[in-house]
Structure formats: C-alpha cells, structure tokens
Amino acid sequence: MKLSRLFLLLAALLAAWQIAIGIDGLESVPVLAYTVAFGVLLVACLLLIILGLGVLESPIVVVVSTIIPLGLSLGLVWEHGGEWRGPYALFATLGFLAVLITRSLPLKGKLPVLVLAVVHGISGLVIFLLPTILAANGTTHAGFALVGLGGALIGLGGLLLSFLKAGRPILSKETILNVLPPLLFLMTMCFVAGFRFG
C-alpha cells in the first residue's frame, strides 16, 4: 500500500509540474485543455492517496475520469489537427455531456456503456495515434511519440477498470488495484516527457 501511494504521489507531482511549467508557448485552447486534464489527474491521484483505491467504485469517477482523455485529445487536435479543431471541440463537448447525462440518469440497458466506450475510444485513439504519427513522419521530434505511449497506457488502465466494473475482470480485482498506481505514474511520466522532449 505504501508503494502504491508513492507511485500516486509521483504521478501527482509530475502532473503538477506539467501544469506549472510544462505547458508553455501554446494557444489558449490547448493550454486550457491540458491544464484541465492534468489538473483532474492531479486531483484524482491525491484523492486516491487520501481515500484509497476504493474511491474508484464511486459512479462520479467515471464522469470525472472522462475529462482526462477528452482534455488531452482536444489539446492535441487543436495544436496539430488543422481543420479538425472545430469538429473535435464539438465532439469533446457533446461527448462529455453525453457521458454526464447517461451516468446521471437511471438508464437501463447498454446505452451508458456504449456512450462511454465511444467517447473514451475515440479520444484514446487520438491520444495514441496522433503523436505517434506526427513523430514517425518527422512533423514533431521523435520524443513526442511518448505522448502516444502514455495514451496506450491510459487506455490499458481504462480497459482494466471497465472490465472490473462490468463484473468481468481480465485480472483479479486485487491485481488491477495493485497495477493501477504504477500504471498512472508511467502514463503521467510518458505524457510529461513526450510534451517536454517532443
């Protein structure tokens, strides 16, 4: 448990550094999007340290955790997406509202899961693919691919939690909860390093 808290603390410190120093010289929309995403990550890590990993059972976590991939992907598209800026900003706004509404209302069936899967799936693919492609074709420095790796790690964490919440865990609950803090740290480290050296 102490090791888990250490990983969460390191992730929180990296997120705080990214907010304070790591986002420089960008337009206002990417700065806002990245600040909100890393701010939510920082608060999430601190809450996990204070309240323990049991807080992941709360339904509000699903809604709040959606802000991280949507914020990061919006910032990336706004920086590098050209004519896709407007449509993606609309998707991010409507996607967050859709997750909020489907998680707030007592809806039965698969609609809440489907909405969450679409929103997280698209934003996760953007975070993974866009930096990887930009680094591979030489548009950005090769180090920017680390942001894509961070996207893959956030996707893996989300997948593990989704299957756990659906009652069909890939790994045991204990294993997932033990893996999550180091995964959050590695993900945050990849994001910070990718933005710094990309």
Protein backbone atom coordinates (compact mmCIF):
# COMPACT_ATOMS: atom_id res chain seq x y z
CA MET A 1 0.00 0.00 0.00
CA LYS A 2 2.87 2.38 0.78
CA LEU A 3 4.39 1.70 -2.64
CA SER A 4 1.05 2.43 -4.32
CA ARG A 5 0.85 5.77 -2.52
CA LEU A 6 4.40 6.60 -3.59
CA PHE A 7 3.54 5.96 -7.26
CA LEU A 8 0.40 8.10 -6.92
CA LEU A 9 2.38 10.88 -5.23
CA LEU A 10 4.99 10.83 -8.01
CA ALA A 11 2.24 10.94 -10.63
CA ALA A 12 0.62 13.89 -8.81
CA LEU A 13 3.94 15.75 -8.68
CA LEU A 14 4.53 15.18 -12.39
CA ALA A 15 1.01 16.40 -13.20
CA ALA A 16 1.56 19.49 -11.03
CA TRP A 17 4.89 20.17 -12.78
CA GLN A 18 3.22 19.87 -16.18
CA ILE A 19 0.54 22.39 -15.16
CA ALA A 20 3.01 24.87 -13.66
CA ILE A 21 5.93 24.65 -16.07
CA GLY A 22 5.36 22.12 -18.84
CA ILE A 23 2.67 23.94 -20.83
CA ASP A 24 4.34 26.96 -22.38
CA GLY A 25 4.01 28.99 -25.54
CA LEU A 26 0.75 27.44 -26.76
CA GLU A 27 -2.57 28.95 -27.82
CA SER A 28 -5.19 29.43 -25.13
CA VAL A 29 -7.35 26.40 -26.06
CA PRO A 30 -4.54 23.80 -25.76
CA VAL A 31 -3.29 25.45 -22.56
CA LEU A 32 -6.79 25.28 -21.08
CA ALA A 33 -7.38 21.70 -22.29
CA TYR A 34 -4.03 20.40 -21.00
CA THR A 35 -4.36 22.31 -17.71
CA VAL A 36 -7.81 20.87 -17.03
CA ALA A 37 -6.70 17.32 -17.99
CA PHE A 38 -3.56 17.38 -15.84
CA GLY A 39 -5.46 19.18 -13.07
CA VAL A 40 -8.05 16.39 -12.93
CA LEU A 41 -5.23 13.83 -12.96
CA LEU A 42 -3.52 15.65 -10.08
CA VAL A 43 -6.71 15.78 -8.00
CA ALA A 44 -7.51 12.14 -8.83
CA CYS A 45 -4.09 10.99 -7.63
CA LEU A 46 -4.41 12.99 -4.41
CA LEU A 47 -7.90 11.58 -3.75
CA LEU A 48 -6.60 8.04 -4.34
CA ILE A 49 -3.81 8.72 -1.81
CA ILE A 50 -6.19 10.17 0.79
CA LEU A 51 -9.28 8.00 0.32
CA GLY A 52 -7.66 4.85 -1.02
CA LEU A 53 -8.33 2.90 -4.20
CA GLY A 54 -11.87 2.12 -3.01
CA VAL A 55 -12.90 5.56 -4.32
CA LEU A 56 -12.76 4.03 -7.80
CA GLU A 57 -16.09 2.36 -7.01
CA SER A 58 -17.85 5.74 -6.99
CA PRO A 59 -20.02 6.44 -10.08
CA ILE A 60 -18.74 10.03 -10.24
CA VAL A 61 -15.27 8.66 -11.05
CA VAL A 62 -16.49 7.56 -14.49
CA VAL A 63 -17.68 11.06 -15.34
CA VAL A 64 -14.65 12.88 -13.94
CA SER A 65 -12.16 10.45 -15.49
CA THR A 66 -13.63 11.25 -18.92
CA ILE A 67 -12.18 14.76 -18.64
CA ILE A 68 -8.59 13.47 -18.81
CA PRO A 69 -8.65 11.81 -22.27
CA LEU A 70 -11.03 14.44 -23.69
CA GLY A 71 -8.82 17.30 -22.47
CA LEU A 72 -5.60 15.75 -23.71
CA SER A 73 -7.04 14.79 -27.08
CA LEU A 74 -8.65 18.21 -27.58
CA GLY A 75 -5.34 19.92 -26.84
CA LEU A 76 -3.54 17.65 -29.32
CA VAL A 77 -6.10 18.16 -32.07
CA TRP A 78 -6.16 21.91 -31.51
CA GLU A 79 -2.36 22.04 -31.80
CA HIS A 80 -1.93 19.64 -34.71
CA GLY A 81 -5.34 18.94 -36.25
CA GLY A 82 -5.82 21.94 -38.54
CA GLU A 83 -9.37 21.93 -39.91
CA TRP A 84 -10.41 19.25 -37.39
CA ARG A 85 -10.21 21.73 -34.50
CA GLY A 86 -13.84 22.84 -34.55
CA PRO A 87 -15.44 19.43 -35.17
CA TYR A 88 -13.29 17.80 -32.49
CA ALA A 89 -14.06 20.55 -29.95
CA LEU A 90 -17.76 19.90 -30.64
CA PHE A 91 -17.24 16.13 -30.21
CA ALA A 92 -15.38 16.66 -26.91
CA THR A 93 -18.12 18.92 -25.55
CA LEU A 94 -21.01 16.71 -26.66
CA GLY A 95 -19.15 13.55 -25.63
CA PHE A 96 -18.62 14.82 -22.10
CA LEU A 97 -22.26 15.92 -21.85
CA ALA A 98 -23.42 12.53 -23.14
CA VAL A 99 -21.35 10.69 -20.51
CA LEU A 100 -22.59 13.06 -17.80
CA ILE A 101 -26.25 12.62 -18.78
CA THR A 102 -26.13 8.83 -19.26
CA ARG A 103 -24.37 8.43 -15.91
CA SER A 104 -26.64 10.85 -14.04
CA LEU A 105 -29.97 9.40 -15.15
CA PRO A 106 -31.11 5.94 -14.02
CA LEU A 107 -30.89 4.46 -17.53
CA LYS A 108 -31.12 0.72 -18.03
CA GLY A 109 -29.57 -1.21 -20.85
CA LYS A 110 -26.28 -0.72 -22.61
CA LEU A 111 -26.58 2.95 -23.63
CA PRO A 112 -24.36 4.34 -20.80
CA VAL A 113 -21.65 1.75 -21.55
CA LEU A 114 -21.89 2.37 -25.30
CA VAL A 115 -21.62 6.16 -24.89
CA LEU A 116 -18.63 5.77 -22.57
CA ALA A 117 -16.93 3.31 -24.93
CA VAL A 118 -17.36 5.62 -27.93
CA VAL A 119 -16.14 8.75 -26.11
CA HIS A 120 -13.17 7.05 -24.45
CA GLY A 121 -12.39 5.01 -27.56
CA ILE A 122 -12.19 7.99 -29.91
CA SER A 123 -10.31 10.25 -27.51
CA GLY A 124 -7.93 7.41 -26.60
CA LEU A 125 -7.19 6.67 -30.25
CA VAL A 126 -6.44 10.35 -30.86
CA ILE A 127 -4.02 10.46 -27.90
CA PHE A 128 -2.31 7.27 -29.08
CA LEU A 129 -2.25 7.76 -32.85
CA LEU A 130 -1.78 11.50 -33.42
CA PRO A 131 1.53 11.90 -31.51
CA THR A 132 2.81 8.58 -32.87
CA ILE A 133 2.09 9.58 -36.49
CA LEU A 134 3.49 13.09 -36.03
CA ALA A 135 6.70 11.70 -34.51
CA ALA A 136 7.01 8.98 -37.17
CA ASN A 137 6.65 11.35 -40.14
CA GLY A 138 9.05 13.93 -38.68
CA THR A 139 6.47 16.69 -38.07
CA THR A 140 7.50 16.68 -34.40
CA HIS A 141 10.57 15.45 -32.53
CA ALA A 142 10.68 11.65 -32.08
CA GLY A 143 10.21 12.11 -28.32
CA PHE A 144 6.63 13.23 -28.93
CA ALA A 145 5.77 9.57 -29.52
CA LEU A 146 5.96 9.17 -25.72
CA VAL A 147 2.63 11.03 -25.53
CA GLY A 148 1.20 8.25 -27.71
CA LEU A 149 2.70 5.65 -25.37
CA GLY A 150 1.05 7.47 -22.45
CA GLY A 151 -2.20 7.25 -24.40
CA ALA A 152 -1.77 3.49 -24.77
CA LEU A 153 -1.16 3.17 -21.03
CA ILE A 154 -4.23 5.25 -20.13
CA GLY A 155 -6.22 3.03 -22.50
CA LEU A 156 -4.93 -0.10 -20.77
CA GLY A 157 -5.85 1.29 -17.35
CA GLY A 158 -9.30 2.26 -18.57
CA LEU A 159 -9.81 -1.18 -20.10
CA LEU A 160 -8.86 -2.94 -16.85
CA LEU A 161 -11.23 -0.73 -14.83
CA SER A 162 -14.06 -1.10 -17.36
CA PHE A 163 -13.95 -4.89 -17.26
CA LEU A 164 -13.73 -4.77 -13.46
CA LYS A 165 -16.80 -2.51 -13.21
CA ALA A 166 -18.67 -4.70 -15.71
CA GLY A 167 -18.10 -7.71 -13.45
CA ARG A 168 -15.85 -9.45 -15.98
CA PRO A 169 -12.34 -8.53 -14.86
CA ILE A 170 -9.39 -9.57 -17.03
CA LEU A 171 -7.29 -9.83 -13.87
CA SER A 172 -8.31 -10.18 -10.25
CA LYS A 173 -9.55 -7.02 -8.53
CA GLU A 174 -6.54 -7.05 -6.21
CA THR A 175 -4.10 -7.30 -9.14
CA ILE A 176 -5.82 -4.45 -11.01
CA LEU A 177 -5.73 -2.21 -7.93
CA ASN A 178 -2.04 -3.04 -7.42
CA VAL A 179 -1.19 -2.38 -11.09
CA LEU A 180 -3.13 0.88 -11.38
CA PRO A 181 -0.85 3.23 -9.34
CA PRO A 182 2.38 2.32 -11.20
CA LEU A 183 0.43 2.48 -14.47
CA LEU A 184 -0.79 6.00 -13.62
CA PHE A 185 2.78 7.02 -12.80
CA LEU A 186 4.20 5.58 -16.04
CA MET A 187 1.39 7.16 -18.06
CA THR A 188 1.98 10.59 -16.49
CA MET A 189 5.73 10.26 -16.94
CA CYS A 190 5.25 9.45 -20.65
CA PHE A 191 2.92 12.42 -21.13
CA VAL A 192 5.26 14.86 -19.36
CA ALA A 193 8.37 13.55 -21.14
CA GLY A 194 6.60 13.50 -24.51
CA PHE A 195 5.44 17.10 -24.20
CA ARG A 196 8.85 18.17 -22.88
CA PHE A 197 11.03 16.48 -25.49
CA GLY A 198 8.54 16.44 -28.38
